[in-house]
Amino acid sequence: MSLVSRLMENKRAVASAGVVTIFSGALLGLALWYDGEATADVVLNDSGIWVTRASHGELGRYNFEAGAIDGIMDTNSTTFDVSQDGGRVLFDNDGASEASPVDPAHLQFGGTLALPTGAQVASGGATSAVYDGESGRLWVLPFDGAQAFDEEELEPTAEIGHGGELAVGTDGTVYVATTAEGGELTIVPTSSRGVPGEVETERISVPENATLQVSAVGDRPVVLD
């Protein structure tokens, strides 16, 4: 091979190495600059929807994916209801003034809340609430550990009007509507763990002797007289 041919060959080798170096550097730069592809953060659950058959004293779990009831619990009551927010399920035995969180994995009750006679109980998000309409006392507490509720030991979160209606939103905010002072809506926001925050009160316009109902649509309370 002539000297000229050798020089040409060396130039081609150097040029190829330079191209490889530039290409590798570009790939590294793109990897550092690119934030990645967004993906869905899917929360899995047992596909359970809890339903009641009060005439038979039964609480059942309907498996949506299987399209069938896959678990039944005997409640020993015919006056009860159930509320659910994902895997948090609360059994309300109105006839006995008791409530119990339900353990979906083992199909059993996870303790008992002894409520004041005639008191309302509701749950939503990570929050449970107990409202005694006779005394006007309202307790707001985390769903986890709510079975330790004791009206004699636990100070009320608020003392409000009598004869109101209770609801808890899916975000854990607690609402109580009463006809006191021409209509009041008590609002208790809670943390992501169900711990109550500062109590708020809003005026609402309802007739003095109205029978109220209250619900929560997302983060908005709805009061019906």
Protein backbone atom coordinates (compact mmCIF):
# COMPACT_ATOMS: atom_id res chain seq x y z
CA MET A 1 0.00 0.00 0.00
CA SER A 2 1.36 3.44 -0.96
CA LEU A 3 1.94 6.25 1.53
CA VAL A 4 -0.99 8.21 0.10
CA SER A 5 -3.32 5.21 0.51
CA ARG A 6 -2.23 4.75 4.11
CA LEU A 7 -2.88 8.42 4.93
CA MET A 8 -6.35 8.21 3.35
CA GLU A 9 -7.15 5.08 5.38
CA ASN A 10 -6.08 6.71 8.66
CA LYS A 11 -8.24 9.77 7.93
CA ARG A 12 -11.27 7.54 7.35
CA ALA A 13 -10.65 5.70 10.67
CA VAL A 14 -10.33 8.95 12.60
CA ALA A 15 -13.51 10.29 10.98
CA SER A 16 -15.45 7.11 11.87
CA ALA A 17 -14.31 7.28 15.50
CA GLY A 18 -15.38 10.94 15.63
CA VAL A 19 -18.85 10.10 14.31
CA VAL A 20 -19.25 7.35 16.91
CA THR A 21 -18.18 9.73 19.69
CA ILE A 22 -20.59 12.48 18.56
CA PHE A 23 -23.48 9.99 18.22
CA SER A 24 -22.84 8.55 21.69
CA GLY A 25 -22.71 12.03 23.18
CA ALA A 26 -26.02 12.92 21.52
CA LEU A 27 -27.70 9.82 22.96
CA LEU A 28 -26.41 10.65 26.43
CA GLY A 29 -27.68 14.21 26.10
CA LEU A 30 -31.14 13.01 25.03
CA ALA A 31 -31.28 10.54 27.94
CA LEU A 32 -30.48 13.29 30.44
CA TRP A 33 -32.89 15.79 28.87
CA TYR A 34 -35.91 13.50 28.32
CA ASP A 35 -38.35 13.32 31.29
CA GLY A 36 -39.83 9.96 30.31
CA GLU A 37 -43.28 8.82 29.29
CA ALA A 38 -46.16 9.42 31.75
CA THR A 39 -47.94 6.27 32.90
CA ALA A 40 -51.13 5.67 34.85
CA ASP A 41 -50.75 5.09 38.59
CA VAL A 42 -53.41 2.42 38.96
CA VAL A 43 -54.78 1.67 42.43
CA LEU A 44 -55.82 -1.95 42.66
CA ASN A 45 -58.59 -3.22 44.93
CA ASP A 46 -60.68 -6.36 45.33
CA SER A 47 -63.43 -5.10 42.95
CA GLY A 48 -65.84 -5.46 45.85
CA ILE A 49 -69.09 -3.51 46.05
CA TRP A 50 -70.83 -4.00 49.39
CA VAL A 51 -74.60 -4.48 49.34
CA THR A 52 -77.27 -5.22 51.95
CA ARG A 53 -80.23 -7.57 52.27
CA ALA A 54 -81.73 -6.26 55.50
CA SER A 55 -84.75 -8.60 55.40
CA HIS A 56 -82.33 -11.52 55.81
CA GLY A 57 -79.82 -9.68 57.99
CA GLU A 58 -77.10 -10.17 55.39
CA LEU A 59 -74.22 -8.02 54.21
CA GLY A 60 -72.72 -9.15 50.92
CA ARG A 61 -69.74 -8.34 48.74
CA TYR A 62 -70.46 -8.22 45.03
CA ASN A 63 -67.37 -8.91 42.93
CA PHE A 64 -67.73 -6.63 39.92
CA GLU A 65 -65.15 -8.45 37.79
CA ALA A 66 -66.67 -11.88 38.47
CA GLY A 67 -70.23 -10.58 38.28
CA ALA A 68 -71.28 -12.49 41.40
CA ILE A 69 -71.61 -12.29 45.18
CA ASP A 70 -68.38 -13.79 46.52
CA GLY A 71 -68.92 -13.27 50.25
CA ILE A 72 -71.82 -12.97 52.71
CA MET A 73 -71.76 -11.87 56.36
CA ASP A 74 -74.51 -12.48 58.90
CA THR A 75 -75.23 -9.23 60.77
CA ASN A 76 -77.85 -10.46 63.28
CA SER A 77 -79.84 -7.32 62.51
CA THR A 78 -82.55 -6.16 60.11
CA THR A 79 -82.05 -2.42 60.64
CA PHE A 80 -78.64 -1.58 59.27
CA ASP A 81 -76.82 0.04 56.39
CA VAL A 82 -73.33 0.12 54.93
CA SER A 83 -71.08 2.85 53.56
CA GLN A 84 -67.98 2.30 51.47
CA ASP A 85 -65.05 4.24 50.09
CA GLY A 86 -62.80 1.83 48.24
CA GLY A 87 -61.50 -0.72 50.72
CA ARG A 88 -62.90 1.17 53.72
CA VAL A 89 -66.28 -0.31 54.60
CA LEU A 90 -68.40 0.74 57.60
CA PHE A 91 -71.37 -1.28 58.88
CA ASP A 92 -73.97 0.85 60.67
CA ASN A 93 -76.25 -1.18 62.96
CA ASP A 94 -78.81 1.52 63.62
CA GLY A 95 -81.05 -0.77 65.65
CA ALA A 96 -78.33 -1.41 68.24
CA SER A 97 -76.65 2.03 68.09
CA GLU A 98 -73.43 0.38 66.97
CA ALA A 99 -71.08 0.56 64.01
CA SER A 100 -68.24 -1.66 62.88
CA PRO A 101 -65.51 -1.39 60.26
CA VAL A 102 -65.53 -4.41 57.95
CA ASP A 103 -62.41 -6.41 57.16
CA PRO A 104 -62.92 -7.23 53.44
CA ALA A 105 -60.06 -9.72 53.33
CA HIS A 106 -61.47 -11.95 56.08
CA LEU A 107 -65.19 -11.10 55.80
CA GLN A 108 -65.49 -10.15 59.44
CA PHE A 109 -66.06 -7.10 61.61
CA GLY A 110 -63.02 -5.27 62.90
CA GLY A 111 -64.35 -4.14 66.27
CA THR A 112 -67.41 -2.22 67.43
CA LEU A 113 -68.15 1.47 67.94
CA ALA A 114 -70.69 1.96 70.74
CA LEU A 115 -72.65 5.04 69.65
CA PRO A 116 -74.87 7.39 71.65
CA THR A 117 -78.50 6.29 71.32
CA GLY A 118 -79.91 7.61 68.06
CA ALA A 119 -76.56 8.97 66.86
CA GLN A 120 -75.63 9.05 63.18
CA VAL A 121 -72.36 7.64 61.86
CA ALA A 122 -70.80 8.09 58.43
CA SER A 123 -67.45 7.66 56.73
CA GLY A 124 -65.66 8.87 53.63
CA GLY A 125 -62.04 8.93 52.56
CA ALA A 126 -59.90 8.23 55.62
CA THR A 127 -62.48 9.78 57.98
CA SER A 128 -65.29 8.62 60.24
CA ALA A 129 -67.77 10.93 61.98
CA VAL A 130 -70.33 10.46 64.75
CA TYR A 131 -73.09 13.03 65.30
CA ASP A 132 -75.41 12.95 68.29
CA GLY A 133 -78.39 14.99 67.20
CA GLU A 134 -79.88 15.06 70.68
CA SER A 135 -76.91 16.77 72.33
CA GLY A 136 -75.44 18.43 69.23
CA ARG A 137 -72.03 16.81 69.75
CA LEU A 138 -69.93 15.93 66.71
CA TRP A 139 -66.86 13.69 66.74
CA VAL A 140 -64.51 13.46 63.76
CA LEU A 141 -61.77 10.82 63.81
CA PRO A 142 -59.67 8.65 61.49
CA PHE A 143 -61.40 5.61 60.00
CA ASP A 144 -58.47 3.45 61.06
CA GLY A 145 -58.87 3.07 64.79
CA ALA A 146 -62.43 4.41 64.91
CA GLN A 147 -63.51 1.29 66.80
CA ALA A 148 -61.80 2.81 69.84
CA PHE A 149 -64.44 5.58 69.93
CA ASP A 150 -65.77 6.30 73.43
CA GLU A 151 -68.15 9.22 73.92
CA GLU A 152 -67.17 9.51 77.59
CA GLU A 153 -63.43 9.63 76.92
CA LEU A 154 -63.20 11.49 73.60
CA GLU A 155 -63.80 15.23 73.50
CA PRO A 156 -66.22 16.30 70.75
CA THR A 157 -64.70 17.98 67.71
CA ALA A 158 -67.56 20.49 67.79
CA GLU A 159 -70.81 21.18 69.61
CA ILE A 160 -73.43 22.40 67.15
CA GLY A 161 -77.19 22.56 66.61
CA HIS A 162 -79.55 19.73 67.47
CA GLY A 163 -81.50 17.52 65.09
CA GLY A 164 -79.16 17.88 62.12
CA GLU A 165 -78.08 15.53 59.35
CA LEU A 166 -74.58 14.17 58.81
CA ALA A 167 -72.59 13.38 55.66
CA VAL A 168 -68.92 12.76 54.86
CA GLY A 169 -67.44 13.49 51.43
CA THR A 170 -65.11 11.19 49.52
CA ASP A 171 -62.27 13.55 50.45
CA GLY A 172 -63.02 13.06 54.17
CA THR A 173 -64.67 16.45 54.74
CA VAL A 174 -67.49 16.25 57.29
CA TYR A 175 -70.77 18.15 56.88
CA VAL A 176 -73.65 18.61 59.33
CA ALA A 177 -76.72 20.64 58.34
CA THR A 178 -79.08 21.94 61.01
CA THR A 179 -81.99 24.39 61.19
CA ALA A 180 -80.36 26.27 64.06
CA GLU A 181 -80.39 30.08 63.72
CA GLY A 182 -82.30 29.84 60.44
CA GLY A 183 -79.93 27.23 59.01
CA GLU A 184 -76.30 26.30 59.60
CA LEU A 185 -73.86 24.05 57.78
CA THR A 186 -70.94 22.88 59.90
CA ILE A 187 -67.87 21.86 57.86
CA VAL A 188 -64.87 19.98 59.22
CA PRO A 189 -62.00 19.43 56.76
CA THR A 190 -59.66 16.55 57.50
CA SER A 191 -56.15 15.49 56.62
CA SER A 192 -55.23 12.58 54.35
CA ARG A 193 -55.21 10.43 57.52
CA GLY A 194 -58.63 11.57 58.71
CA VAL A 195 -57.43 13.96 61.40
CA PRO A 196 -59.89 16.87 61.81
CA GLY A 197 -58.89 20.44 61.02
CA GLU A 198 -60.46 23.75 61.98
CA VAL A 199 -64.25 23.72 62.25
CA GLU A 200 -66.07 26.08 59.87
CA THR A 201 -69.69 27.28 59.88
CA GLU A 202 -71.73 28.64 56.97
CA ARG A 203 -75.19 30.13 56.94
CA ILE A 204 -77.85 28.38 54.86
CA SER A 205 -81.44 29.44 54.31
CA VAL A 206 -83.94 26.77 55.37
CA PRO A 207 -87.38 26.90 57.04
CA GLU A 208 -87.27 26.64 60.82
CA ASN A 209 -89.17 23.34 61.00
CA ALA A 210 -87.68 21.82 57.84
CA THR A 211 -86.64 18.17 57.63
CA LEU A 212 -83.15 18.24 56.17
CA GLN A 213 -81.05 15.87 54.14
CA VAL A 214 -77.40 16.46 53.35
CA SER A 215 -75.03 14.78 50.94
CA ALA A 216 -71.65 15.47 49.39
CA VAL A 217 -71.05 15.49 45.64
CA GLY A 218 -67.30 15.37 45.28
CA ASP A 219 -66.10 18.23 47.47
CA ARG A 220 -69.45 20.10 47.45
CA PRO A 221 -72.16 19.72 50.09
CA VAL A 222 -75.79 19.56 48.96
CA VAL A 223 -78.60 20.29 51.43
CA LEU A 224 -82.23 19.43 50.70
CA ASP A 225 -85.10 20.64 52.87
